[in-house]
Amino acid sequence: MKKTIAIYGFVLALLTFLLKFIEYRFLIRELSTEFFVGIVALFFTALGVWMGIKITGKSPDKNTPKASEPSAHDQALTDPDTLGISQREFEVLTLIAKGYSNQQIADQLFLSLNTVKTHTSNLFAKLDVKRRTQAVQKAGELGILPK
């Protein structure tokens, strides 16, 4: 990281020197200020893209997985335990996906209505959703439930 910062500083100093040299020697009378602003803007755009690629480590190369191949991260999410979803919460989620009401889920799993509501609330928090339909959709996207 220190090397990247040093390179960045050196390039900025070199660019400043180059622009001043061009300005004083050749172009001060023939080109307007907008030209110099355009050069600086192009340079910083390129520099920003380069730094973004360096910092995030996301470069288009052949090592990135293809869209059809699930990554190890995606495969790990297919297990409900990965998200902290308990077995009982998973059962509630499965019945929600089948369209059962809270009362029907309570009757099916021999739970109180308040317990079903608590499990549903916990599921919403763990899946970061606000509605039952969103929970089913997100679970399908994560591979917890079949789509």
N, C-alpha and C. Protein backbone atom coordinates (compact mmCIF):
# COMPACT_ATOMS: atom_id res chain seq x y z
N MET A 1 0.82 -1.18 0.00
CA MET A 1 0.00 0.00 0.00
C MET A 1 0.87 1.25 0.00
N LYS A 2 1.99 1.23 0.76
CA LYS A 2 2.88 2.39 0.79
C LYS A 2 3.50 2.63 -0.58
N LYS A 3 3.80 1.55 -1.28
CA LYS A 3 4.37 1.68 -2.61
C LYS A 3 3.37 2.34 -3.56
N THR A 4 2.10 1.97 -3.47
CA THR A 4 1.06 2.56 -4.32
C THR A 4 0.92 4.04 -4.03
N ILE A 5 0.96 4.42 -2.78
CA ILE A 5 0.86 5.83 -2.42
C ILE A 5 2.06 6.61 -2.94
N ALA A 6 3.25 6.03 -2.84
CA ALA A 6 4.46 6.68 -3.34
C ALA A 6 4.37 6.86 -4.86
N ILE A 7 3.90 5.85 -5.55
CA ILE A 7 3.75 5.95 -7.00
C ILE A 7 2.73 7.02 -7.34
N TYR A 8 1.65 7.04 -6.63
CA TYR A 8 0.60 8.04 -6.85
C TYR A 8 1.16 9.45 -6.66
N GLY A 9 1.91 9.69 -5.61
CA GLY A 9 2.51 10.99 -5.35
C GLY A 9 3.50 11.38 -6.43
N PHE A 10 4.31 10.43 -6.84
CA PHE A 10 5.30 10.69 -7.90
C PHE A 10 4.62 11.05 -9.21
N VAL A 11 3.58 10.32 -9.56
CA VAL A 11 2.85 10.60 -10.80
C VAL A 11 2.21 11.98 -10.75
N LEU A 12 1.64 12.35 -9.61
CA LEU A 12 1.05 13.68 -9.47
C LEU A 12 2.11 14.78 -9.63
N ALA A 13 3.26 14.60 -9.00
CA ALA A 13 4.33 15.58 -9.13
C ALA A 13 4.81 15.67 -10.57
N LEU A 14 4.96 14.54 -11.23
CA LEU A 14 5.39 14.52 -12.63
C LEU A 14 4.37 15.21 -13.52
N LEU A 15 3.09 14.96 -13.29
CA LEU A 15 2.05 15.60 -14.08
C LEU A 15 2.06 17.12 -13.87
N THR A 16 2.20 17.55 -12.64
CA THR A 16 2.26 18.99 -12.37
C THR A 16 3.43 19.63 -13.09
N PHE A 17 4.58 19.00 -13.00
CA PHE A 17 5.76 19.52 -13.69
C PHE A 17 5.53 19.57 -15.21
N LEU A 18 4.98 18.51 -15.75
CA LEU A 18 4.74 18.43 -17.19
C LEU A 18 3.76 19.51 -17.66
N LEU A 19 2.68 19.70 -16.91
CA LEU A 19 1.71 20.72 -17.29
C LEU A 19 2.31 22.12 -17.22
N LYS A 20 3.07 22.40 -16.20
CA LYS A 20 3.71 23.71 -16.09
C LYS A 20 4.74 23.91 -17.20
N PHE A 21 5.48 22.88 -17.53
CA PHE A 21 6.47 22.98 -18.61
C PHE A 21 5.77 23.28 -19.94
N ILE A 22 4.70 22.55 -20.23
CA ILE A 22 3.95 22.77 -21.47
C ILE A 22 3.34 24.18 -21.47
N GLU A 23 2.80 24.56 -20.34
CA GLU A 23 2.17 25.87 -20.25
C GLU A 23 3.17 27.00 -20.51
N TYR A 24 4.31 26.94 -19.87
CA TYR A 24 5.28 28.03 -20.01
C TYR A 24 6.00 28.01 -21.35
N ARG A 25 6.31 26.88 -21.88
CA ARG A 25 7.14 26.80 -23.08
C ARG A 25 6.37 26.94 -24.39
N PHE A 26 5.24 26.25 -24.50
CA PHE A 26 4.65 26.13 -25.82
C PHE A 26 3.23 26.66 -25.96
N LEU A 27 2.40 26.40 -25.00
CA LEU A 27 0.98 26.53 -25.24
C LEU A 27 0.29 27.70 -24.54
N ILE A 28 1.00 28.51 -23.79
CA ILE A 28 0.34 29.51 -22.98
C ILE A 28 -0.43 30.52 -23.81
N ARG A 29 0.05 30.85 -24.96
CA ARG A 29 -0.62 31.85 -25.78
C ARG A 29 -1.63 31.25 -26.74
N GLU A 30 -1.49 29.97 -27.08
CA GLU A 30 -2.32 29.39 -28.12
C GLU A 30 -3.54 28.63 -27.60
N LEU A 31 -3.49 28.09 -26.39
CA LEU A 31 -4.58 27.29 -25.88
C LEU A 31 -5.22 27.95 -24.67
N SER A 32 -6.51 27.71 -24.50
CA SER A 32 -7.24 28.32 -23.40
C SER A 32 -7.10 27.47 -22.12
N THR A 33 -7.60 28.02 -21.05
CA THR A 33 -7.56 27.33 -19.76
C THR A 33 -8.37 26.04 -19.79
N GLU A 34 -9.45 26.03 -20.57
CA GLU A 34 -10.28 24.83 -20.66
C GLU A 34 -9.48 23.62 -21.16
N PHE A 35 -8.52 23.85 -22.02
CA PHE A 35 -7.68 22.77 -22.52
C PHE A 35 -6.91 22.11 -21.37
N PHE A 36 -6.30 22.95 -20.54
CA PHE A 36 -5.52 22.41 -19.42
C PHE A 36 -6.42 21.72 -18.40
N VAL A 37 -7.59 22.28 -18.16
CA VAL A 37 -8.55 21.65 -17.25
C VAL A 37 -8.98 20.30 -17.81
N GLY A 38 -9.19 20.23 -19.12
CA GLY A 38 -9.56 18.96 -19.76
C GLY A 38 -8.47 17.91 -19.62
N ILE A 39 -7.22 18.32 -19.78
CA ILE A 39 -6.10 17.37 -19.62
C ILE A 39 -6.05 16.83 -18.19
N VAL A 40 -6.18 17.73 -17.23
CA VAL A 40 -6.15 17.32 -15.82
C VAL A 40 -7.34 16.40 -15.52
N ALA A 41 -8.52 16.73 -16.04
CA ALA A 41 -9.71 15.90 -15.80
C ALA A 41 -9.53 14.51 -16.39
N LEU A 42 -9.00 14.42 -17.60
CA LEU A 42 -8.76 13.10 -18.21
C LEU A 42 -7.77 12.29 -17.40
N PHE A 43 -6.71 12.95 -16.96
CA PHE A 43 -5.71 12.24 -16.17
C PHE A 43 -6.31 11.70 -14.87
N PHE A 44 -7.05 12.55 -14.16
CA PHE A 44 -7.61 12.11 -12.88
C PHE A 44 -8.71 11.07 -13.07
N THR A 45 -9.41 11.10 -14.18
CA THR A 45 -10.38 10.05 -14.47
C THR A 45 -9.66 8.71 -14.63
N ALA A 46 -8.62 8.71 -15.44
CA ALA A 46 -7.84 7.48 -15.64
C ALA A 46 -7.21 7.02 -14.33
N LEU A 47 -6.68 7.97 -13.57
CA LEU A 47 -6.07 7.63 -12.29
C LEU A 47 -7.10 7.05 -11.31
N GLY A 48 -8.30 7.63 -11.30
CA GLY A 48 -9.36 7.13 -10.42
C GLY A 48 -9.78 5.71 -10.77
N VAL A 49 -9.89 5.44 -12.07
CA VAL A 49 -10.24 4.08 -12.49
C VAL A 49 -9.14 3.11 -12.10
N TRP A 50 -7.91 3.50 -12.33
CA TRP A 50 -6.77 2.63 -11.99
C TRP A 50 -6.72 2.37 -10.48
N MET A 51 -6.89 3.43 -9.67
CA MET A 51 -6.84 3.26 -8.22
C MET A 51 -8.03 2.41 -7.73
N GLY A 52 -9.19 2.60 -8.34
CA GLY A 52 -10.35 1.79 -7.96
C GLY A 52 -10.11 0.32 -8.20
N ILE A 53 -9.49 0.02 -9.33
CA ILE A 53 -9.18 -1.38 -9.64
C ILE A 53 -8.14 -1.92 -8.66
N LYS A 54 -7.14 -1.12 -8.35
CA LYS A 54 -6.09 -1.56 -7.42
C LYS A 54 -6.63 -1.77 -6.01
N ILE A 55 -7.45 -0.84 -5.54
CA ILE A 55 -7.93 -0.91 -4.16
C ILE A 55 -8.94 -2.03 -3.98
N THR A 56 -9.90 -2.14 -4.90
CA THR A 56 -10.93 -3.16 -4.75
C THR A 56 -10.46 -4.53 -5.19
N GLY A 57 -9.42 -4.58 -5.99
CA GLY A 57 -8.91 -5.86 -6.47
C GLY A 57 -9.80 -6.51 -7.50
N LYS A 58 -10.71 -5.74 -8.07
CA LYS A 58 -11.63 -6.27 -9.07
C LYS A 58 -11.13 -5.89 -10.45
N SER A 59 -10.41 -6.78 -11.04
CA SER A 59 -9.95 -6.52 -12.39
C SER A 59 -10.51 -7.59 -13.31
N PRO A 60 -10.87 -7.21 -14.51
CA PRO A 60 -11.41 -8.21 -15.43
C PRO A 60 -10.31 -9.15 -15.90
N ASP A 61 -10.28 -10.32 -15.33
CA ASP A 61 -9.30 -11.31 -15.74
C ASP A 61 -9.95 -12.67 -15.86
N LYS A 62 -9.18 -13.63 -16.28
CA LYS A 62 -9.76 -14.95 -16.51
C LYS A 62 -9.98 -15.74 -15.22
N ASN A 63 -9.57 -15.22 -14.08
CA ASN A 63 -9.75 -15.93 -12.81
C ASN A 63 -11.12 -15.69 -12.19
N THR A 64 -11.86 -14.69 -12.70
CA THR A 64 -13.19 -14.44 -12.14
C THR A 64 -14.14 -15.54 -12.57
N PRO A 65 -14.99 -16.01 -11.66
CA PRO A 65 -15.90 -17.10 -12.02
C PRO A 65 -16.95 -16.63 -13.02
N LYS A 66 -17.36 -17.53 -13.88
CA LYS A 66 -18.40 -17.22 -14.85
C LYS A 66 -19.73 -17.16 -14.15
N ALA A 67 -20.70 -16.51 -14.78
CA ALA A 67 -22.02 -16.33 -14.17
C ALA A 67 -22.71 -17.67 -13.93
N SER A 68 -22.45 -18.65 -14.77
CA SER A 68 -23.13 -19.93 -14.63
C SER A 68 -22.52 -20.80 -13.52
N GLU A 69 -21.29 -20.49 -13.14
CA GLU A 69 -20.63 -21.28 -12.10
C GLU A 69 -20.88 -20.64 -10.74
N PRO A 70 -21.49 -21.35 -9.81
CA PRO A 70 -21.66 -20.76 -8.48
C PRO A 70 -20.32 -20.69 -7.75
N SER A 71 -20.05 -19.58 -7.12
CA SER A 71 -18.81 -19.44 -6.39
C SER A 71 -18.92 -20.17 -5.05
N ALA A 72 -17.80 -20.25 -4.34
CA ALA A 72 -17.81 -20.90 -3.04
C ALA A 72 -18.71 -20.13 -2.07
N HIS A 73 -18.75 -18.81 -2.22
CA HIS A 73 -19.61 -17.99 -1.36
C HIS A 73 -21.08 -18.32 -1.60
N ASP A 74 -21.48 -18.45 -2.87
CA ASP A 74 -22.87 -18.78 -3.19
C ASP A 74 -23.23 -20.17 -2.69
N GLN A 75 -22.30 -21.11 -2.82
CA GLN A 75 -22.57 -22.47 -2.37
C GLN A 75 -22.74 -22.51 -0.86
N ALA A 76 -21.98 -21.66 -0.15
CA ALA A 76 -22.09 -21.64 1.31
C ALA A 76 -23.45 -21.11 1.74
N LEU A 77 -24.05 -20.22 0.96
CA LEU A 77 -25.32 -19.63 1.35
C LEU A 77 -26.49 -20.58 1.17
N THR A 78 -26.30 -21.70 0.51
CA THR A 78 -27.41 -22.62 0.33
C THR A 78 -27.77 -23.31 1.63
N ASP A 79 -26.91 -23.26 2.60
CA ASP A 79 -27.17 -23.86 3.90
C ASP A 79 -27.79 -22.80 4.82
N PRO A 80 -29.00 -23.03 5.34
CA PRO A 80 -29.64 -22.03 6.20
C PRO A 80 -28.81 -21.68 7.43
N ASP A 81 -28.01 -22.62 7.92
CA ASP A 81 -27.20 -22.36 9.11
C ASP A 81 -26.18 -21.26 8.86
N THR A 82 -25.77 -21.08 7.61
CA THR A 82 -24.80 -20.05 7.28
C THR A 82 -25.33 -18.67 7.64
N LEU A 83 -26.62 -18.45 7.46
CA LEU A 83 -27.23 -17.17 7.79
C LEU A 83 -27.70 -17.11 9.24
N GLY A 84 -27.54 -18.19 9.97
CA GLY A 84 -27.98 -18.23 11.35
C GLY A 84 -29.45 -18.59 11.50
N ILE A 85 -30.01 -19.15 10.44
CA ILE A 85 -31.43 -19.55 10.49
C ILE A 85 -31.53 -20.91 11.16
N SER A 86 -32.32 -20.96 12.24
CA SER A 86 -32.47 -22.22 12.96
C SER A 86 -33.36 -23.18 12.17
N GLN A 87 -33.38 -24.42 12.61
CA GLN A 87 -34.20 -25.43 11.94
C GLN A 87 -35.68 -25.07 12.01
N ARG A 88 -36.11 -24.57 13.15
CA ARG A 88 -37.52 -24.20 13.32
C ARG A 88 -37.88 -23.00 12.44
N GLU A 89 -36.97 -22.03 12.36
CA GLU A 89 -37.20 -20.88 11.48
C GLU A 89 -37.25 -21.31 10.02
N PHE A 90 -36.44 -22.29 9.68
CA PHE A 90 -36.46 -22.82 8.32
C PHE A 90 -37.80 -23.50 8.02
N GLU A 91 -38.32 -24.24 9.00
CA GLU A 91 -39.64 -24.87 8.82
C GLU A 91 -40.72 -23.81 8.62
N VAL A 92 -40.65 -22.72 9.40
CA VAL A 92 -41.61 -21.63 9.25
C VAL A 92 -41.47 -21.00 7.87
N LEU A 93 -40.24 -20.78 7.43
CA LEU A 93 -40.00 -20.20 6.10
C LEU A 93 -40.56 -21.10 5.00
N THR A 94 -40.39 -22.40 5.15
CA THR A 94 -40.92 -23.34 4.15
C THR A 94 -42.44 -23.25 4.07
N LEU A 95 -43.08 -23.16 5.22
CA LEU A 95 -44.55 -23.05 5.22
C LEU A 95 -45.02 -21.69 4.72
N ILE A 96 -44.25 -20.65 4.99
CA ILE A 96 -44.57 -19.33 4.43
C ILE A 96 -44.51 -19.41 2.90
N ALA A 97 -43.50 -20.09 2.40
CA ALA A 97 -43.36 -20.22 0.94
C ALA A 97 -44.52 -21.00 0.33
N LYS A 98 -45.12 -21.90 1.10
CA LYS A 98 -46.27 -22.66 0.62
C LYS A 98 -47.57 -21.85 0.72
N GLY A 99 -47.49 -20.65 1.33
CA GLY A 99 -48.66 -19.79 1.39
C GLY A 99 -49.48 -19.94 2.66
N TYR A 100 -48.95 -20.59 3.67
CA TYR A 100 -49.69 -20.77 4.91
C TYR A 100 -49.78 -19.45 5.68
N SER A 101 -50.86 -19.24 6.39
CA SER A 101 -51.00 -18.09 7.28
C SER A 101 -50.27 -18.39 8.59
N ASN A 102 -50.10 -17.36 9.42
CA ASN A 102 -49.44 -17.58 10.71
C ASN A 102 -50.19 -18.61 11.56
N GLN A 103 -51.51 -18.53 11.55
CA GLN A 103 -52.31 -19.48 12.33
C GLN A 103 -52.14 -20.89 11.80
N GLN A 104 -52.15 -21.06 10.49
CA GLN A 104 -51.97 -22.40 9.89
C GLN A 104 -50.58 -22.95 10.20
N ILE A 105 -49.56 -22.07 10.19
CA ILE A 105 -48.20 -22.51 10.53
C ILE A 105 -48.16 -22.95 12.00
N ALA A 106 -48.80 -22.18 12.87
CA ALA A 106 -48.84 -22.53 14.29
C ALA A 106 -49.51 -23.89 14.49
N ASP A 107 -50.60 -24.12 13.79
CA ASP A 107 -51.30 -25.40 13.91
C ASP A 107 -50.46 -26.54 13.36
N GLN A 108 -49.80 -26.32 12.24
CA GLN A 108 -48.99 -27.36 11.57
C GLN A 108 -47.79 -27.76 12.42
N LEU A 109 -47.14 -26.77 13.05
CA LEU A 109 -45.91 -27.04 13.81
C LEU A 109 -46.14 -27.15 15.32
N PHE A 110 -47.41 -27.10 15.74
CA PHE A 110 -47.77 -27.19 17.16
C PHE A 110 -47.05 -26.09 17.97
N LEU A 111 -47.17 -24.85 17.49
CA LEU A 111 -46.58 -23.70 18.15
C LEU A 111 -47.68 -22.70 18.46
N SER A 112 -47.37 -21.76 19.35
CA SER A 112 -48.33 -20.68 19.59
C SER A 112 -48.20 -19.66 18.46
N LEU A 113 -49.22 -18.85 18.30
CA LEU A 113 -49.22 -17.83 17.27
C LEU A 113 -48.10 -16.81 17.50
N ASN A 114 -47.86 -16.49 18.76
CA ASN A 114 -46.78 -15.54 19.09
C ASN A 114 -45.41 -16.10 18.73
N THR A 115 -45.22 -17.39 18.92
CA THR A 115 -43.94 -18.02 18.57
C THR A 115 -43.72 -17.97 17.06
N VAL A 116 -44.76 -18.22 16.28
CA VAL A 116 -44.66 -18.14 14.83
C VAL A 116 -44.31 -16.71 14.41
N LYS A 117 -44.94 -15.74 15.04
CA LYS A 117 -44.64 -14.35 14.72
C LYS A 117 -43.20 -13.99 15.08
N THR A 118 -42.72 -14.53 16.19
CA THR A 118 -41.33 -14.29 16.58
C THR A 118 -40.37 -14.90 15.56
N HIS A 119 -40.62 -16.15 15.15
CA HIS A 119 -39.78 -16.80 14.14
C HIS A 119 -39.81 -16.02 12.83
N THR A 120 -40.99 -15.55 12.44
CA THR A 120 -41.12 -14.78 11.21
C THR A 120 -40.33 -13.48 11.31
N SER A 121 -40.43 -12.82 12.43
CA SER A 121 -39.68 -11.57 12.64
C SER A 121 -38.18 -11.82 12.59
N ASN A 122 -37.72 -12.90 13.21
CA ASN A 122 -36.30 -13.25 13.17
C ASN A 122 -35.85 -13.55 11.74
N LEU A 123 -36.69 -14.24 10.98
CA LEU A 123 -36.37 -14.52 9.58
C LEU A 123 -36.23 -13.24 8.78
N PHE A 124 -37.15 -12.30 8.99
CA PHE A 124 -37.09 -11.02 8.27
C PHE A 124 -35.78 -10.30 8.57
N ALA A 125 -35.37 -10.32 9.83
CA ALA A 125 -34.12 -9.65 10.20
C ALA A 125 -32.91 -10.34 9.59
N LYS A 126 -32.90 -11.67 9.62
CA LYS A 126 -31.75 -12.41 9.10
C LYS A 126 -31.65 -12.34 7.58
N LEU A 127 -32.79 -12.24 6.91
CA LEU A 127 -32.80 -12.13 5.45
C LEU A 127 -32.82 -10.68 4.98
N ASP A 128 -32.93 -9.75 5.92
CA ASP A 128 -32.96 -8.32 5.62
C ASP A 128 -34.10 -7.97 4.68
N VAL A 129 -35.30 -8.37 5.06
CA VAL A 129 -36.51 -8.09 4.28
C VAL A 129 -37.59 -7.56 5.22
N LYS A 130 -38.70 -7.10 4.63
CA LYS A 130 -39.79 -6.54 5.44
C LYS A 130 -41.11 -7.28 5.27
N ARG A 131 -41.21 -8.12 4.23
CA ARG A 131 -42.48 -8.81 3.96
C ARG A 131 -42.23 -10.30 3.73
N ARG A 132 -43.32 -11.05 3.86
CA ARG A 132 -43.24 -12.50 3.65
C ARG A 132 -42.82 -12.82 2.22
N THR A 133 -43.38 -12.10 1.26
CA THR A 133 -43.04 -12.37 -0.14
C THR A 133 -41.58 -12.08 -0.43
N GLN A 134 -41.06 -11.02 0.19
CA GLN A 134 -39.64 -10.72 0.02
C GLN A 134 -38.77 -11.80 0.65
N ALA A 135 -39.21 -12.33 1.78
CA ALA A 135 -38.44 -13.38 2.45
C ALA A 135 -38.36 -14.63 1.58
N VAL A 136 -39.49 -14.99 0.97
CA VAL A 136 -39.51 -16.18 0.10
C VAL A 136 -38.63 -15.94 -1.13
N GLN A 137 -38.73 -14.74 -1.71
CA GLN A 137 -37.93 -14.42 -2.89
C GLN A 137 -36.44 -14.43 -2.56
N LYS A 138 -36.06 -13.81 -1.45
CA LYS A 138 -34.65 -13.76 -1.07
C LYS A 138 -34.11 -15.14 -0.75
N ALA A 139 -34.91 -15.94 -0.07
CA ALA A 139 -34.49 -17.31 0.24
C ALA A 139 -34.28 -18.10 -1.04
N GLY A 140 -35.14 -17.88 -2.03
CA GLY A 140 -34.96 -18.55 -3.32
C GLY A 140 -33.70 -18.10 -4.01
N GLU A 141 -33.41 -16.79 -3.96
CA GLU A 141 -32.18 -16.26 -4.59
C GLU A 141 -30.93 -16.81 -3.92
N LEU A 142 -30.98 -16.98 -2.60
CA LEU A 142 -29.84 -17.49 -1.87
C LEU A 142 -29.70 -19.01 -1.97
N GLY A 143 -30.71 -19.65 -2.53
CA GLY A 143 -30.65 -21.09 -2.68
C GLY A 143 -31.09 -21.85 -1.46
N ILE A 144 -31.68 -21.16 -0.50
CA ILE A 144 -32.18 -21.83 0.71
C ILE A 144 -33.45 -22.61 0.37
N LEU A 145 -34.31 -21.98 -0.42
CA LEU A 145 -35.53 -22.61 -0.89
C LEU A 145 -35.44 -22.73 -2.41
N PRO A 146 -36.06 -23.77 -2.98
CA PRO A 146 -36.08 -23.82 -4.43
C PRO A 146 -36.92 -22.66 -4.97
N LYS A 147 -36.48 -22.09 -6.10
CA LYS A 147 -37.18 -20.93 -6.67
C LYS A 147 -38.53 -21.31 -7.22
